[in-house]
Amino acid sequence: ASEAGVDDFLAQATPEDKLAYIRKEQEGGRLIAMCGDGTNDAPAL
């Protein structure tokens, strides 16, 4: 995360963790974009 320059990171994230994070942000009125490539990213996408 430090090398890439992202603002934050979510470690040891399961598909459920990614989904919960997005839903929490959306409940706060934010629009969320997700970039992914694996089957475990499909629910979040």
All heavy atoms as atom14 arrays in JSON, in Angstrom:
{
  "sequence": "ASEAGVDDFLAQATPEDKLAYIRKEQEGGRLIAMCGDGTNDAPAL",
  "atom14_mask": [
    [1, 1, 1, 1, 1, 0, 0, 0, 0, 0, 0, 0, 0, 0],
    [1, 1, 1, 1, 1, 1, 0, 0, 0, 0, 0, 0, 0, 0],
    [1, 1, 1, 1, 1, 1, 1, 1, 1, 0, 0, 0, 0, 0],
    [1, 1, 1, 1, 1, 0, 0, 0, 0, 0, 0, 0, 0, 0],
    [1, 1, 1, 1, 0, 0, 0, 0, 0, 0, 0, 0, 0, 0],
    [1, 1, 1, 1, 1, 1, 1, 0, 0, 0, 0, 0, 0, 0],
    [1, 1, 1, 1, 1, 1, 1, 1, 0, 0, 0, 0, 0, 0],
    [1, 1, 1, 1, 1, 1, 1, 1, 0, 0, 0, 0, 0, 0],
    [1, 1, 1, 1, 1, 1, 1, 1, 1, 1, 1, 0, 0, 0],
    [1, 1, 1, 1, 1, 1, 1, 1, 0, 0, 0, 0, 0, 0],
    [1, 1, 1, 1, 1, 0, 0, 0, 0, 0, 0, 0, 0, 0],
    [1, 1, 1, 1, 1, 1, 1, 1, 1, 0, 0, 0, 0, 0],
    [1, 1, 1, 1, 1, 0, 0, 0, 0, 0, 0, 0, 0, 0],
    [1, 1, 1, 1, 1, 1, 1, 0, 0, 0, 0, 0, 0, 0],
    [1, 1, 1, 1, 1, 1, 1, 0, 0, 0, 0, 0, 0, 0],
    [1, 1, 1, 1, 1, 1, 1, 1, 1, 0, 0, 0, 0, 0],
    [1, 1, 1, 1, 1, 1, 1, 1, 0, 0, 0, 0, 0, 0],
    [1, 1, 1, 1, 1, 1, 1, 1, 1, 0, 0, 0, 0, 0],
    [1, 1, 1, 1, 1, 1, 1, 1, 0, 0, 0, 0, 0, 0],
    [1, 1, 1, 1, 1, 0, 0, 0, 0, 0, 0, 0, 0, 0],
    [1, 1, 1, 1, 1, 1, 1, 1, 1, 1, 1, 1, 0, 0],
    [1, 1, 1, 1, 1, 1, 1, 1, 0, 0, 0, 0, 0, 0],
    [1, 1, 1, 1, 1, 1, 1, 1, 1, 1, 1, 0, 0, 0],
    [1, 1, 1, 1, 1, 1, 1, 1, 1, 0, 0, 0, 0, 0],
    [1, 1, 1, 1, 1, 1, 1, 1, 1, 0, 0, 0, 0, 0],
    [1, 1, 1, 1, 1, 1, 1, 1, 1, 0, 0, 0, 0, 0],
    [1, 1, 1, 1, 1, 1, 1, 1, 1, 0, 0, 0, 0, 0],
    [1, 1, 1, 1, 0, 0, 0, 0, 0, 0, 0, 0, 0, 0],
    [1, 1, 1, 1, 0, 0, 0, 0, 0, 0, 0, 0, 0, 0],
    [1, 1, 1, 1, 1, 1, 1, 1, 1, 1, 1, 0, 0, 0],
    [1, 1, 1, 1, 1, 1, 1, 1, 0, 0, 0, 0, 0, 0],
    [1, 1, 1, 1, 1, 1, 1, 1, 0, 0, 0, 0, 0, 0],
    [1, 1, 1, 1, 1, 0, 0, 0, 0, 0, 0, 0, 0, 0],
    [1, 1, 1, 1, 1, 1, 1, 1, 0, 0, 0, 0, 0, 0],
    [1, 1, 1, 1, 1, 1, 0, 0, 0, 0, 0, 0, 0, 0],
    [1, 1, 1, 1, 0, 0, 0, 0, 0, 0, 0, 0, 0, 0],
    [1, 1, 1, 1, 1, 1, 1, 1, 0, 0, 0, 0, 0, 0],
    [1, 1, 1, 1, 0, 0, 0, 0, 0, 0, 0, 0, 0, 0],
    [1, 1, 1, 1, 1, 1, 1, 0, 0, 0, 0, 0, 0, 0],
    [1, 1, 1, 1, 1, 1, 1, 1, 0, 0, 0, 0, 0, 0],
    [1, 1, 1, 1, 1, 1, 1, 1, 0, 0, 0, 0, 0, 0],
    [1, 1, 1, 1, 1, 0, 0, 0, 0, 0, 0, 0, 0, 0],
    [1, 1, 1, 1, 1, 1, 1, 0, 0, 0, 0, 0, 0, 0],
    [1, 1, 1, 1, 1, 0, 0, 0, 0, 0, 0, 0, 0, 0],
    [1, 1, 1, 1, 1, 1, 1, 1, 0, 0, 0, 0, 0, 0]
  ],
  "atom14_positions": [
    [[0.83, -1.21, 0.0], [0.0, 0.0, 0.0], [0.86, 1.25, 0.0], [0.57, 2.23, -0.7], [-0.94, -0.01, 1.21], [0.0, 0.0, 0.0], [0.0, 0.0, 0.0], [0.0, 0.0, 0.0], [0.0, 0.0, 0.0], [0.0, 0.0, 0.0], [0.0, 0.0, 0.0], [0.0, 0.0, 0.0], [0.0, 0.0, 0.0], [0.0, 0.0, 0.0]],
    [[1.94, 1.23, 0.8], [2.84, 2.37, 0.86], [3.55, 2.58, -0.47], [3.67, 3.7, -0.95], [3.86, 2.16, 1.98], [4.81, 3.2, 1.99], [0.0, 0.0, 0.0], [0.0, 0.0, 0.0], [0.0, 0.0, 0.0], [0.0, 0.0, 0.0], [0.0, 0.0, 0.0], [0.0, 0.0, 0.0], [0.0, 0.0, 0.0], [0.0, 0.0, 0.0]],
    [[4.0, 1.47, -1.07], [4.71, 1.57, -2.34], [3.78, 2.05, -3.46], [4.19, 2.81, -4.34], [5.3, 0.2, -2.71], [6.17, 0.22, -3.95], [6.78, -1.14, -4.24], [6.63, -2.07, -3.41], [7.38, -1.28, -5.32], [0.0, 0.0, 0.0], [0.0, 0.0, 0.0], [0.0, 0.0, 0.0], [0.0, 0.0, 0.0], [0.0, 0.0, 0.0]],
    [[2.52, 1.61, -3.43], [1.57, 1.97, -4.49], [0.99, 3.37, -4.29], [0.53, 3.99, -5.25], [0.44, 0.95, -4.55], [0.0, 0.0, 0.0], [0.0, 0.0, 0.0], [0.0, 0.0, 0.0], [0.0, 0.0, 0.0], [0.0, 0.0, 0.0], [0.0, 0.0, 0.0], [0.0, 0.0, 0.0], [0.0, 0.0, 0.0], [0.0, 0.0, 0.0]],
    [[0.98, 3.85, -3.04], [0.47, 5.2, -2.79], [-1.03, 5.27, -2.61], [-1.63, 6.32, -2.86], [0.0, 0.0, 0.0], [0.0, 0.0, 0.0], [0.0, 0.0, 0.0], [0.0, 0.0, 0.0], [0.0, 0.0, 0.0], [0.0, 0.0, 0.0], [0.0, 0.0, 0.0], [0.0, 0.0, 0.0], [0.0, 0.0, 0.0], [0.0, 0.0, 0.0]],
    [[-1.66, 4.16, -2.17], [-3.1, 4.2, -1.92], [-3.37, 4.88, -0.58], [-2.49, 4.98, 0.27], [-3.72, 2.79, -1.95], [-3.61, 2.18, -3.33], [-3.07, 1.89, -0.9], [0.0, 0.0, 0.0], [0.0, 0.0, 0.0], [0.0, 0.0, 0.0], [0.0, 0.0, 0.0], [0.0, 0.0, 0.0], [0.0, 0.0, 0.0], [0.0, 0.0, 0.0]],
    [[-4.6, 5.33, -0.39], [-4.95, 6.05, 0.84], [-5.16, 5.12, 2.03], [-4.94, 5.5, 3.18], [-6.22, 6.88, 0.62], [-6.02, 7.95, -0.44], [-5.0, 8.64, -0.39], [-6.88, 8.08, -1.32], [0.0, 0.0, 0.0], [0.0, 0.0, 0.0], [0.0, 0.0, 0.0], [0.0, 0.0, 0.0], [0.0, 0.0, 0.0], [0.0, 0.0, 0.0]],
    [[-5.61, 3.89, 1.78], [-5.89, 2.96, 2.86], [-5.84, 1.54, 2.31], [-5.76, 1.35, 1.09], [-7.28, 3.25, 3.46], [-7.45, 2.67, 4.86], [-6.51, 2.02, 5.36], [-8.53, 2.87, 5.44], [0.0, 0.0, 0.0], [0.0, 0.0, 0.0], [0.0, 0.0, 0.0], [0.0, 0.0, 0.0], [0.0, 0.0, 0.0], [0.0, 0.0, 0.0]],
    [[-5.85, 0.55, 3.19], [-5.86, -0.83, 2.72], [-6.7, -1.69, 3.66], [-6.91, -1.35, 4.83], [-4.44, -1.4, 2.62], [-3.72, -1.53, 3.93], [-3.84, -2.69, 4.7], [-2.91, -0.5, 4.4], [-3.18, -2.8, 5.92], [-2.25, -0.61, 5.61], [-2.38, -1.76, 6.38], [0.0, 0.0, 0.0], [0.0, 0.0, 0.0], [0.0, 0.0, 0.0]],
    [[-7.18, -2.79, 3.12], [-7.97, -3.76, 3.87], [-7.25, -5.1, 3.72], [-7.25, -5.7, 2.64], [-9.39, -3.84, 3.31], [-10.43, -4.64, 4.09], [-10.65, -4.01, 5.46], [-11.74, -4.69, 3.32], [0.0, 0.0, 0.0], [0.0, 0.0, 0.0], [0.0, 0.0, 0.0], [0.0, 0.0, 0.0], [0.0, 0.0, 0.0], [0.0, 0.0, 0.0]],
    [[-6.58, -5.57, 4.79], [-5.76, -6.78, 4.74], [-6.58, -8.01, 5.12], [-7.6, -7.91, 5.8], [-4.55, -6.65, 5.65], [0.0, 0.0, 0.0], [0.0, 0.0, 0.0], [0.0, 0.0, 0.0], [0.0, 0.0, 0.0], [0.0, 0.0, 0.0], [0.0, 0.0, 0.0], [0.0, 0.0, 0.0], [0.0, 0.0, 0.0], [0.0, 0.0, 0.0]],
    [[-6.07, -9.17, 4.69], [-6.72, -10.46, 4.98], [-8.22, -10.39, 4.7], [-9.05, -10.88, 5.47], [-6.44, -10.87, 6.43], [-4.96, -11.12, 6.7], [-4.67, -11.45, 8.15], [-5.32, -10.93, 9.06], [-3.67, -12.3, 8.38], [0.0, 0.0, 0.0], [0.0, 0.0, 0.0], [0.0, 0.0, 0.0], [0.0, 0.0, 0.0], [0.0, 0.0, 0.0]],
    [[-8.54, -9.76, 3.58], [-9.94, -9.51, 3.25], [-10.58, -10.73, 2.59], [-10.07, -11.25, 1.6], [-10.05, -8.3, 2.33], [0.0, 0.0, 0.0], [0.0, 0.0, 0.0], [0.0, 0.0, 0.0], [0.0, 0.0, 0.0], [0.0, 0.0, 0.0], [0.0, 0.0, 0.0], [0.0, 0.0, 0.0], [0.0, 0.0, 0.0], [0.0, 0.0, 0.0]],
    [[-11.67, -11.17, 3.13], [-12.47, -12.23, 2.53], [-13.51, -11.58, 1.62], [-13.74, -10.37, 1.69], [-13.19, -13.05, 3.61], [-14.13, -12.18, 4.29], [-12.21, -13.61, 4.61], [0.0, 0.0, 0.0], [0.0, 0.0, 0.0], [0.0, 0.0, 0.0], [0.0, 0.0, 0.0], [0.0, 0.0, 0.0], [0.0, 0.0, 0.0], [0.0, 0.0, 0.0]],
    [[-14.16, -12.35, 0.74], [-15.24, -11.77, -0.08], [-16.31, -11.09, 0.77], [-16.84, -10.04, 0.37], [-15.8, -12.99, -0.82], [-14.63, -13.92, -0.93], [-13.87, -13.74, 0.35], [0.0, 0.0, 0.0], [0.0, 0.0, 0.0], [0.0, 0.0, 0.0], [0.0, 0.0, 0.0], [0.0, 0.0, 0.0], [0.0, 0.0, 0.0], [0.0, 0.0, 0.0]],
    [[-16.61, -11.66, 1.94], [-17.61, -11.06, 2.83], [-17.13, -9.71, 3.37], [-17.93, -8.77, 3.51], [-17.93, -12.0, 4.0], [-18.65, -13.29, 3.61], [-17.72, -14.34, 3.0], [-16.47, -14.16, 3.06], [-18.23, -15.33, 2.46], [0.0, 0.0, 0.0], [0.0, 0.0, 0.0], [0.0, 0.0, 0.0], [0.0, 0.0, 0.0], [0.0, 0.0, 0.0]],
    [[-15.81, -9.61, 3.65], [-15.26, -8.35, 4.16], [-15.37, -7.25, 3.11], [-15.73, -6.1, 3.42], [-13.79, -8.54, 4.54], [-13.61, -9.45, 5.74], [-14.55, -9.54, 6.56], [-12.54, -10.08, 5.86], [0.0, 0.0, 0.0], [0.0, 0.0, 0.0], [0.0, 0.0, 0.0], [0.0, 0.0, 0.0], [0.0, 0.0, 0.0], [0.0, 0.0, 0.0]],
    [[-15.05, -7.59, 1.87], [-15.13, -6.59, 0.78], [-16.57, -6.12, 0.61], [-16.83, -4.92, 0.45], [-14.62, -7.2, -0.53], [-13.17, -7.65, -0.5], [-12.8, -8.35, -1.8], [-11.42, -8.97, -1.71], [-11.03, -9.7, -2.94], [0.0, 0.0, 0.0], [0.0, 0.0, 0.0], [0.0, 0.0, 0.0], [0.0, 0.0, 0.0], [0.0, 0.0, 0.0]],
    [[-17.49, -7.07, 0.63], [-18.91, -6.74, 0.45], [-19.4, -5.85, 1.59], [-20.11, -4.85, 1.36], [-19.72, -8.03, 0.39], [-21.12, -7.96, -0.21], [-21.07, -7.45, -1.64], [-21.77, -9.34, -0.16], [0.0, 0.0, 0.0], [0.0, 0.0, 0.0], [0.0, 0.0, 0.0], [0.0, 0.0, 0.0], [0.0, 0.0, 0.0], [0.0, 0.0, 0.0]],
    [[-19.02, -6.18, 2.81], [-19.46, -5.4, 3.98], [-18.89, -3.98, 3.92], [-19.59, -3.01, 4.26], [-19.02, -6.1, 5.26], [0.0, 0.0, 0.0], [0.0, 0.0, 0.0], [0.0, 0.0, 0.0], [0.0, 0.0, 0.0], [0.0, 0.0, 0.0], [0.0, 0.0, 0.0], [0.0, 0.0, 0.0], [0.0, 0.0, 0.0], [0.0, 0.0, 0.0]],
    [[-17.63, -3.86, 3.47], [-17.01, -2.53, 3.38], [-17.76, -1.66, 2.39], [-18.04, -0.48, 2.66], [-15.55, -2.69, 2.95], [-14.76, -1.4, 2.97], [-14.03, -1.01, 4.08], [-14.76, -0.55, 1.86], [-13.32, 0.18, 4.1], [-14.05, 0.63, 1.86], [-13.32, 1.0, 2.98], [-12.63, 2.18, 2.99], [0.0, 0.0, 0.0], [0.0, 0.0, 0.0]],
    [[-18.09, -2.22, 1.22], [-18.79, -1.44, 0.2], [-20.17, -1.02, 0.69], [-20.58, 0.14, 0.52], [-18.9, -2.26, -1.1], [-17.51, -2.43, -1.73], [-19.84, -1.58, -2.1], [-17.49, -3.31, -2.96], [0.0, 0.0, 0.0], [0.0, 0.0, 0.0], [0.0, 0.0, 0.0], [0.0, 0.0, 0.0], [0.0, 0.0, 0.0], [0.0, 0.0, 0.0]],
    [[-20.88, -1.95, 1.31], [-22.22, -1.62, 1.79], [-22.18, -0.54, 2.86], [-23.05, 0.35, 2.89], [-22.89, -2.88, 2.35], [-23.34, -3.85, 1.26], [-23.86, -5.14, 1.83], [-24.4, -6.01, 0.78], [-24.71, -7.27, 0.94], [-24.55, -7.85, 2.14], [-25.2, -7.99, -0.06], [0.0, 0.0, 0.0], [0.0, 0.0, 0.0], [0.0, 0.0, 0.0]],
    [[-21.18, -0.59, 3.73], [-21.06, 0.43, 4.77], [-20.81, 1.81, 4.15], [-21.41, 2.81, 4.58], [-19.9, 0.07, 5.71], [-19.71, 1.06, 6.85], [-18.54, 0.64, 7.74], [-18.29, 1.67, 8.85], [-17.13, 1.29, 9.69], [0.0, 0.0, 0.0], [0.0, 0.0, 0.0], [0.0, 0.0, 0.0], [0.0, 0.0, 0.0], [0.0, 0.0, 0.0]],
    [[-19.94, 1.86, 3.14], [-19.66, 3.13, 2.47], [-20.91, 3.64, 1.76], [-21.21, 4.84, 1.77], [-18.52, 2.96, 1.47], [-17.17, 2.68, 2.09], [-16.59, 3.9, 2.79], [-16.38, 4.92, 2.13], [-16.37, 3.83, 4.02], [0.0, 0.0, 0.0], [0.0, 0.0, 0.0], [0.0, 0.0, 0.0], [0.0, 0.0, 0.0], [0.0, 0.0, 0.0]],
    [[-21.64, 2.75, 1.1], [-22.85, 3.16, 0.38], [-23.93, 3.66, 1.32], [-24.68, 4.58, 0.98], [-23.37, 1.99, -0.47], [-22.49, 1.68, -1.67], [-22.91, 0.41, -2.39], [-23.46, -0.5, -1.79], [-22.65, 0.34, -3.69], [0.0, 0.0, 0.0], [0.0, 0.0, 0.0], [0.0, 0.0, 0.0], [0.0, 0.0, 0.0], [0.0, 0.0, 0.0]],
    [[-24.02, 3.05, 2.5], [-24.99, 3.53, 3.49], [-24.68, 4.94, 3.94], [-25.57, 5.67, 4.37], [-25.01, 2.58, 4.7], [-25.66, 1.23, 4.42], [-25.48, 0.24, 5.54], [-24.84, 0.62, 6.56], [-25.94, -0.91, 5.42], [0.0, 0.0, 0.0], [0.0, 0.0, 0.0], [0.0, 0.0, 0.0], [0.0, 0.0, 0.0], [0.0, 0.0, 0.0]],
    [[-23.4, 5.32, 3.83], [-23.0, 6.69, 4.16], [-23.22, 7.67, 3.02], [-22.79, 8.82, 3.11], [0.0, 0.0, 0.0], [0.0, 0.0, 0.0], [0.0, 0.0, 0.0], [0.0, 0.0, 0.0], [0.0, 0.0, 0.0], [0.0, 0.0, 0.0], [0.0, 0.0, 0.0], [0.0, 0.0, 0.0], [0.0, 0.0, 0.0], [0.0, 0.0, 0.0]],
    [[-23.86, 7.21, 1.94], [-24.18, 8.09, 0.82], [-23.09, 8.22, -0.22], [-23.16, 9.08, -1.08], [0.0, 0.0, 0.0], [0.0, 0.0, 0.0], [0.0, 0.0, 0.0], [0.0, 0.0, 0.0], [0.0, 0.0, 0.0], [0.0, 0.0, 0.0], [0.0, 0.0, 0.0], [0.0, 0.0, 0.0], [0.0, 0.0, 0.0], [0.0, 0.0, 0.0]],
    [[-22.08, 7.34, -0.16], [-20.98, 7.41, -1.13], [-21.22, 6.48, -2.31], [-21.85, 5.45, -2.16], [-19.65, 7.06, -0.45], [-19.26, 8.01, 0.67], [-17.96, 7.58, 1.34], [-17.6, 8.46, 2.42], [-18.02, 8.33, 3.66], [-18.83, 7.33, 3.96], [-17.66, 9.18, 4.6], [0.0, 0.0, 0.0], [0.0, 0.0, 0.0], [0.0, 0.0, 0.0]],
    [[-20.69, 6.88, -3.47], [-20.71, 6.02, -4.65], [-19.38, 5.3, -4.73], [-18.33, 5.93, -4.68], [-20.95, 6.84, -5.92], [-22.38, 7.34, -6.16], [-22.45, 8.15, -7.44], [-23.35, 6.18, -6.22], [0.0, 0.0, 0.0], [0.0, 0.0, 0.0], [0.0, 0.0, 0.0], [0.0, 0.0, 0.0], [0.0, 0.0, 0.0], [0.0, 0.0, 0.0]],
    [[-19.41, 3.98, -4.88], [-18.21, 3.16, -4.78], [-17.89, 2.52, -6.13], [-18.78, 1.98, -6.8], [-18.38, 2.04, -3.73], [-18.86, 2.64, -2.39], [-17.08, 1.28, -3.53], [-17.93, 3.66, -1.8], [0.0, 0.0, 0.0], [0.0, 0.0, 0.0], [0.0, 0.0, 0.0], [0.0, 0.0, 0.0], [0.0, 0.0, 0.0], [0.0, 0.0, 0.0]],
    [[-16.62, 2.57, -6.48], [-16.12, 1.83, -7.65], [-15.21, 0.72, -7.14], [-14.51, 0.89, -6.15], [-15.35, 2.76, -8.59], [0.0, 0.0, 0.0], [0.0, 0.0, 0.0], [0.0, 0.0, 0.0], [0.0, 0.0, 0.0], [0.0, 0.0, 0.0], [0.0, 0.0, 0.0], [0.0, 0.0, 0.0], [0.0, 0.0, 0.0], [0.0, 0.0, 0.0]],
    [[-15.26, -0.42, -7.82], [-14.44, -1.56, -7.42], [-13.71, -2.1, -8.65], [-14.32, -2.31, -9.69], [-15.33, -2.66, -6.83], [-14.66, -4.01, -6.63], [-13.49, -4.02, -5.24], [-12.75, -5.65, -5.41], [0.0, 0.0, 0.0], [0.0, 0.0, 0.0], [0.0, 0.0, 0.0], [0.0, 0.0, 0.0], [0.0, 0.0, 0.0], [0.0, 0.0, 0.0]],
    [[-12.4, -2.28, -8.54], [-11.6, -2.91, -9.59], [-11.11, -4.25, -9.07], [-10.5, -4.31, -8.01], [-10.4, -2.04, -9.97], [-10.82, -0.55, -10.87], [0.0, 0.0, 0.0], [0.0, 0.0, 0.0], [0.0, 0.0, 0.0], [0.0, 0.0, 0.0], [0.0, 0.0, 0.0], [0.0, 0.0, 0.0], [0.0, 0.0, 0.0], [0.0, 0.0, 0.0]],
    [[-11.38, -5.31, -9.82], [-10.94, -6.63, -9.39], [-10.83, -7.58, -10.56], [-11.23, -7.25, -11.68], [0.0, 0.0, 0.0], [0.0, 0.0, 0.0], [0.0, 0.0, 0.0], [0.0, 0.0, 0.0], [0.0, 0.0, 0.0], [0.0, 0.0, 0.0], [0.0, 0.0, 0.0], [0.0, 0.0, 0.0], [0.0, 0.0, 0.0], [0.0, 0.0, 0.0]],
    [[-10.3, -8.78, -10.28], [-10.11, -9.74, -11.36], [-10.38, -11.18, -10.97], [-10.41, -12.06, -11.82], [-8.69, -9.63, -11.93], [-7.62, -9.93, -10.87], [-7.98, -10.05, -9.69], [-6.44, -10.03, -11.23], [0.0, 0.0, 0.0], [0.0, 0.0, 0.0], [0.0, 0.0, 0.0], [0.0, 0.0, 0.0], [0.0, 0.0, 0.0], [0.0, 0.0, 0.0]],
    [[-10.56, -11.47, -9.69], [-10.72, -12.85, -9.25], [-12.16, -13.2, -8.93], [-13.01, -12.31, -8.76], [0.0, 0.0, 0.0], [0.0, 0.0, 0.0], [0.0, 0.0, 0.0], [0.0, 0.0, 0.0], [0.0, 0.0, 0.0], [0.0, 0.0, 0.0], [0.0, 0.0, 0.0], [0.0, 0.0, 0.0], [0.0, 0.0, 0.0], [0.0, 0.0, 0.0]],
    [[-12.43, -14.48, -8.83], [-13.77, -14.93, -8.46], [-14.16, -14.4, -7.09], [-15.33, -14.1, -6.83], [-13.82, -16.47, -8.47], [-13.5, -16.93, -9.79], [-15.19, -16.98, -8.07], [0.0, 0.0, 0.0], [0.0, 0.0, 0.0], [0.0, 0.0, 0.0], [0.0, 0.0, 0.0], [0.0, 0.0, 0.0], [0.0, 0.0, 0.0], [0.0, 0.0, 0.0]],
    [[-13.17, -14.28, -6.19], [-13.48, -13.78, -4.85], [-13.83, -12.29, -4.86], [-14.3, -11.76, -3.86], [-12.32, -14.04, -3.89], [-11.05, -13.31, -4.29], [-10.9, -12.91, -5.45], [-10.15, -13.13, -3.36], [0.0, 0.0, 0.0], [0.0, 0.0, 0.0], [0.0, 0.0, 0.0], [0.0, 0.0, 0.0], [0.0, 0.0, 0.0], [0.0, 0.0, 0.0]],
    [[-13.59, -11.61, -6.0], [-13.98, -10.2, -6.12], [-15.39, -10.04, -6.66], [-15.94, -8.92, -6.64], [-13.02, -9.46, -7.07], [-11.59, -9.42, -6.55], [-11.42, -9.26, -5.33], [-10.66, -9.57, -7.36], [0.0, 0.0, 0.0], [0.0, 0.0, 0.0], [0.0, 0.0, 0.0], [0.0, 0.0, 0.0], [0.0, 0.0, 0.0], [0.0, 0.0, 0.0]],
    [[-15.98, -11.13, -7.19], [-17.26, -11.03, -7.89], [-18.38, -10.42, -7.03], [-19.11, -9.54, -7.51], [-17.68, -12.4, -8.41], [0.0, 0.0, 0.0], [0.0, 0.0, 0.0], [0.0, 0.0, 0.0], [0.0, 0.0, 0.0], [0.0, 0.0, 0.0], [0.0, 0.0, 0.0], [0.0, 0.0, 0.0], [0.0, 0.0, 0.0], [0.0, 0.0, 0.0]],
    [[-18.57, -10.83, -5.75], [-19.65, -10.2, -4.97], [-19.46, -8.69, -4.81], [-20.43, -7.93, -4.91], [-19.55, -10.92, -3.61], [-18.89, -12.23, -3.92], [-17.92, -11.93, -5.01], [0.0, 0.0, 0.0], [0.0, 0.0, 0.0], [0.0, 0.0, 0.0], [0.0, 0.0, 0.0], [0.0, 0.0, 0.0], [0.0, 0.0, 0.0], [0.0, 0.0, 0.0]],
    [[-18.22, -8.26, -4.58], [-17.95, -6.83, -4.42], [-18.17, -6.09, -5.73], [-18.7, -4.97, -5.74], [-16.52, -6.62, -3.92], [0.0, 0.0, 0.0], [0.0, 0.0, 0.0], [0.0, 0.0, 0.0], [0.0, 0.0, 0.0], [0.0, 0.0, 0.0], [0.0, 0.0, 0.0], [0.0, 0.0, 0.0], [0.0, 0.0, 0.0], [0.0, 0.0, 0.0]],
    [[-17.77, -6.69, -6.85], [-17.97, -6.06, -8.16], [-19.46, -5.88, -8.45], [-19.88, -4.88, -9.04], [-17.32, -6.9, -9.26], [-15.79, -6.88, -9.3], [-15.27, -7.97, -10.23], [-15.27, -5.51, -9.76], [0.0, 0.0, 0.0], [0.0, 0.0, 0.0], [0.0, 0.0, 0.0], [0.0, 0.0, 0.0], [0.0, 0.0, 0.0], [0.0, 0.0, 0.0]]
  ]
}
